[in-house]
Amino acid sequence: MIMYSPDPMSLVSWETPNSIKIPLASGGHILAESAESNRIRIVSVCSTDPMDFLDLRYQPGNILSLDPSTGRLE
């Protein structure tokens, strides 16, 4: 997708200063926010792999656990 906008990307972007970007194996990433200790709430999925969107774990609003030592999803 190509987006042309006269506005700066900081105004157009969905990312917030408190968002966490977690890479996926497919090359995409998940934007999330902190929910509690070692847990995150999914905000959005950014990927070119359709299977990332079909994975029920990555639906916006879901709460997932993070491995504290690696920062990856458990």
N, C-alpha and C. Protein backbone atom coordinates (compact mmCIF):
# COMPACT_ATOMS: atom_id res chain seq x y z
N MET A 1 0.85 -1.17 0.00
CA MET A 1 0.00 0.00 0.00
C MET A 1 0.89 1.23 0.00
N ILE A 2 0.60 2.17 -0.85
CA ILE A 2 1.31 3.44 -0.90
C ILE A 2 0.34 4.53 -0.45
N MET A 3 0.82 5.36 0.45
CA MET A 3 -0.04 6.42 0.96
C MET A 3 0.65 7.76 0.70
N TYR A 4 -0.04 8.62 -0.03
CA TYR A 4 0.47 9.96 -0.31
C TYR A 4 -0.28 10.94 0.59
N SER A 5 0.46 11.74 1.32
CA SER A 5 -0.17 12.68 2.23
C SER A 5 0.69 13.93 2.38
N PRO A 6 0.07 15.11 2.40
CA PRO A 6 0.84 16.32 2.62
C PRO A 6 1.21 16.50 4.09
N ASP A 7 0.60 15.70 4.96
CA ASP A 7 0.88 15.79 6.39
C ASP A 7 2.12 14.98 6.75
N PRO A 8 2.85 15.38 7.79
CA PRO A 8 4.01 14.59 8.21
C PRO A 8 3.56 13.21 8.71
N MET A 9 4.41 12.22 8.55
CA MET A 9 4.06 10.86 8.97
C MET A 9 3.80 10.77 10.47
N SER A 10 4.36 11.67 11.27
CA SER A 10 4.11 11.64 12.70
C SER A 10 2.64 11.91 13.01
N LEU A 11 1.94 12.62 12.13
CA LEU A 11 0.51 12.86 12.32
C LEU A 11 -0.33 11.73 11.76
N VAL A 12 0.18 11.05 10.76
CA VAL A 12 -0.57 10.01 10.06
C VAL A 12 -0.37 8.64 10.71
N SER A 13 0.77 8.40 11.31
CA SER A 13 1.13 7.09 11.85
C SER A 13 0.23 6.69 13.00
N TRP A 14 -0.02 5.38 13.11
CA TRP A 14 -0.83 4.84 14.21
C TRP A 14 0.01 4.63 15.45
N GLU A 15 1.31 4.66 15.30
CA GLU A 15 2.17 4.41 16.44
C GLU A 15 2.06 5.55 17.44
N THR A 16 2.09 5.20 18.70
CA THR A 16 2.09 6.19 19.78
C THR A 16 3.39 6.04 20.54
N PRO A 17 3.76 7.03 21.33
CA PRO A 17 5.03 6.90 22.07
C PRO A 17 5.06 5.70 23.02
N ASN A 18 3.90 5.24 23.47
CA ASN A 18 3.85 4.11 24.41
C ASN A 18 3.66 2.77 23.71
N SER A 19 3.68 2.75 22.38
CA SER A 19 3.45 1.50 21.67
C SER A 19 4.72 0.66 21.63
N ILE A 20 4.52 -0.64 21.56
CA ILE A 20 5.60 -1.61 21.49
C ILE A 20 5.50 -2.30 20.14
N LYS A 21 6.61 -2.38 19.42
CA LYS A 21 6.63 -3.05 18.12
C LYS A 21 7.31 -4.40 18.29
N ILE A 22 6.56 -5.48 18.00
CA ILE A 22 7.07 -6.85 18.16
C ILE A 22 7.16 -7.49 16.79
N PRO A 23 8.36 -7.91 16.38
CA PRO A 23 8.51 -8.53 15.05
C PRO A 23 7.87 -9.91 14.99
N LEU A 24 7.34 -10.24 13.83
CA LEU A 24 6.77 -11.56 13.56
C LEU A 24 7.73 -12.35 12.67
N ALA A 25 7.61 -13.65 12.69
CA ALA A 25 8.48 -14.50 11.87
C ALA A 25 8.30 -14.25 10.38
N SER A 26 7.11 -13.77 9.97
CA SER A 26 6.82 -13.53 8.56
C SER A 26 7.47 -12.26 8.02
N GLY A 27 8.03 -11.44 8.91
CA GLY A 27 8.63 -10.18 8.49
C GLY A 27 7.79 -8.98 8.86
N GLY A 28 6.56 -9.19 9.24
CA GLY A 28 5.70 -8.10 9.69
C GLY A 28 5.94 -7.80 11.15
N HIS A 29 5.06 -7.00 11.73
CA HIS A 29 5.17 -6.71 13.15
C HIS A 29 3.80 -6.44 13.76
N ILE A 30 3.75 -6.51 15.07
CA ILE A 30 2.54 -6.22 15.84
C ILE A 30 2.80 -4.93 16.61
N LEU A 31 1.82 -4.04 16.61
CA LEU A 31 1.87 -2.87 17.48
C LEU A 31 1.03 -3.20 18.70
N ALA A 32 1.59 -2.99 19.88
CA ALA A 32 0.91 -3.34 21.11
C ALA A 32 1.15 -2.26 22.15
N GLU A 33 0.38 -2.33 23.23
CA GLU A 33 0.57 -1.44 24.36
C GLU A 33 0.69 -2.29 25.62
N SER A 34 1.36 -1.77 26.61
CA SER A 34 1.56 -2.50 27.85
C SER A 34 0.24 -2.64 28.59
N ALA A 35 -0.07 -3.86 29.04
CA ALA A 35 -1.31 -4.10 29.78
C ALA A 35 -1.01 -4.27 31.27
N GLU A 36 -0.08 -5.10 31.63
CA GLU A 36 0.38 -5.33 33.00
C GLU A 36 1.79 -5.86 32.90
N SER A 37 2.35 -6.36 33.98
CA SER A 37 3.73 -6.83 33.91
C SER A 37 3.83 -8.05 32.98
N ASN A 38 4.72 -7.95 32.02
CA ASN A 38 4.99 -9.01 31.03
C ASN A 38 3.77 -9.38 30.19
N ARG A 39 2.82 -8.48 30.06
CA ARG A 39 1.64 -8.74 29.22
C ARG A 39 1.40 -7.52 28.34
N ILE A 40 0.92 -7.77 27.13
CA ILE A 40 0.65 -6.69 26.19
C ILE A 40 -0.75 -6.85 25.61
N ARG A 41 -1.31 -5.75 25.15
CA ARG A 41 -2.60 -5.75 24.45
C ARG A 41 -2.33 -5.39 23.00
N ILE A 42 -2.80 -6.23 22.08
CA ILE A 42 -2.58 -6.02 20.64
C ILE A 42 -3.39 -4.80 20.19
N VAL A 43 -2.73 -3.89 19.48
CA VAL A 43 -3.40 -2.71 18.92
C VAL A 43 -3.65 -2.93 17.43
N SER A 44 -2.62 -3.38 16.70
CA SER A 44 -2.79 -3.62 15.27
C SER A 44 -1.71 -4.57 14.76
N VAL A 45 -1.95 -5.13 13.59
CA VAL A 45 -1.01 -6.01 12.92
C VAL A 45 -0.60 -5.33 11.62
N CYS A 46 0.70 -5.30 11.36
CA CYS A 46 1.22 -4.71 10.13
C CYS A 46 2.07 -5.79 9.45
N SER A 47 1.51 -6.39 8.39
CA SER A 47 2.19 -7.50 7.73
C SER A 47 1.69 -7.63 6.29
N THR A 48 2.50 -8.25 5.47
CA THR A 48 2.06 -8.56 4.10
C THR A 48 1.62 -10.01 3.98
N ASP A 49 1.74 -10.78 5.06
CA ASP A 49 1.34 -12.19 5.07
C ASP A 49 -0.10 -12.30 5.57
N PRO A 50 -1.04 -12.76 4.74
CA PRO A 50 -2.44 -12.86 5.16
C PRO A 50 -2.64 -13.79 6.37
N MET A 51 -1.76 -14.76 6.55
CA MET A 51 -1.91 -15.68 7.68
C MET A 51 -1.73 -14.98 9.02
N ASP A 52 -0.96 -13.88 9.06
CA ASP A 52 -0.82 -13.11 10.30
C ASP A 52 -2.16 -12.52 10.73
N PHE A 53 -2.97 -12.11 9.76
CA PHE A 53 -4.28 -11.52 10.08
C PHE A 53 -5.29 -12.59 10.46
N LEU A 54 -5.10 -13.82 9.98
CA LEU A 54 -6.01 -14.91 10.29
C LEU A 54 -5.68 -15.61 11.60
N ASP A 55 -4.49 -15.35 12.15
CA ASP A 55 -4.09 -15.95 13.42
C ASP A 55 -4.89 -15.30 14.55
N LEU A 56 -5.69 -16.09 15.25
CA LEU A 56 -6.59 -15.56 16.28
C LEU A 56 -5.84 -14.94 17.46
N ARG A 57 -4.58 -15.34 17.67
CA ARG A 57 -3.80 -14.75 18.78
C ARG A 57 -3.52 -13.27 18.54
N TYR A 58 -3.43 -12.86 17.28
CA TYR A 58 -3.02 -11.50 16.96
C TYR A 58 -4.19 -10.55 16.71
N GLN A 59 -5.40 -10.91 17.10
CA GLN A 59 -6.54 -10.02 16.92
C GLN A 59 -6.41 -8.82 17.84
N PRO A 60 -6.69 -7.61 17.35
CA PRO A 60 -6.64 -6.43 18.22
C PRO A 60 -7.53 -6.59 19.45
N GLY A 61 -6.98 -6.21 20.59
CA GLY A 61 -7.68 -6.33 21.86
C GLY A 61 -7.24 -7.53 22.67
N ASN A 62 -6.64 -8.54 22.02
CA ASN A 62 -6.17 -9.72 22.75
C ASN A 62 -5.00 -9.35 23.65
N ILE A 63 -4.89 -10.04 24.76
CA ILE A 63 -3.78 -9.82 25.69
C ILE A 63 -2.88 -11.06 25.63
N LEU A 64 -1.59 -10.83 25.39
CA LEU A 64 -0.60 -11.91 25.26
C LEU A 64 0.50 -11.72 26.29
N SER A 65 1.20 -12.81 26.60
CA SER A 65 2.33 -12.77 27.52
C SER A 65 3.63 -12.64 26.75
N LEU A 66 4.58 -11.93 27.35
CA LEU A 66 5.92 -11.79 26.78
C LEU A 66 6.91 -12.56 27.62
N ASP A 67 7.92 -13.14 26.98
CA ASP A 67 9.02 -13.76 27.70
C ASP A 67 9.92 -12.63 28.18
N PRO A 68 10.08 -12.43 29.50
CA PRO A 68 10.85 -11.29 29.99
C PRO A 68 12.31 -11.28 29.59
N SER A 69 12.89 -12.46 29.36
CA SER A 69 14.31 -12.50 29.03
C SER A 69 14.58 -12.11 27.58
N THR A 70 13.68 -12.46 26.66
CA THR A 70 13.91 -12.17 25.24
C THR A 70 13.03 -11.06 24.68
N GLY A 71 11.90 -10.76 25.34
CA GLY A 71 10.98 -9.76 24.83
C GLY A 71 10.12 -10.27 23.69
N ARG A 72 10.09 -11.58 23.48
CA ARG A 72 9.27 -12.19 22.42
C ARG A 72 8.01 -12.79 23.01
N LEU A 73 7.04 -13.03 22.14
CA LEU A 73 5.78 -13.63 22.57
C LEU A 73 5.99 -15.05 23.04
N GLU A 74 5.28 -15.44 24.10
CA GLU A 74 5.37 -16.82 24.60
C GLU A 74 4.36 -17.69 23.90
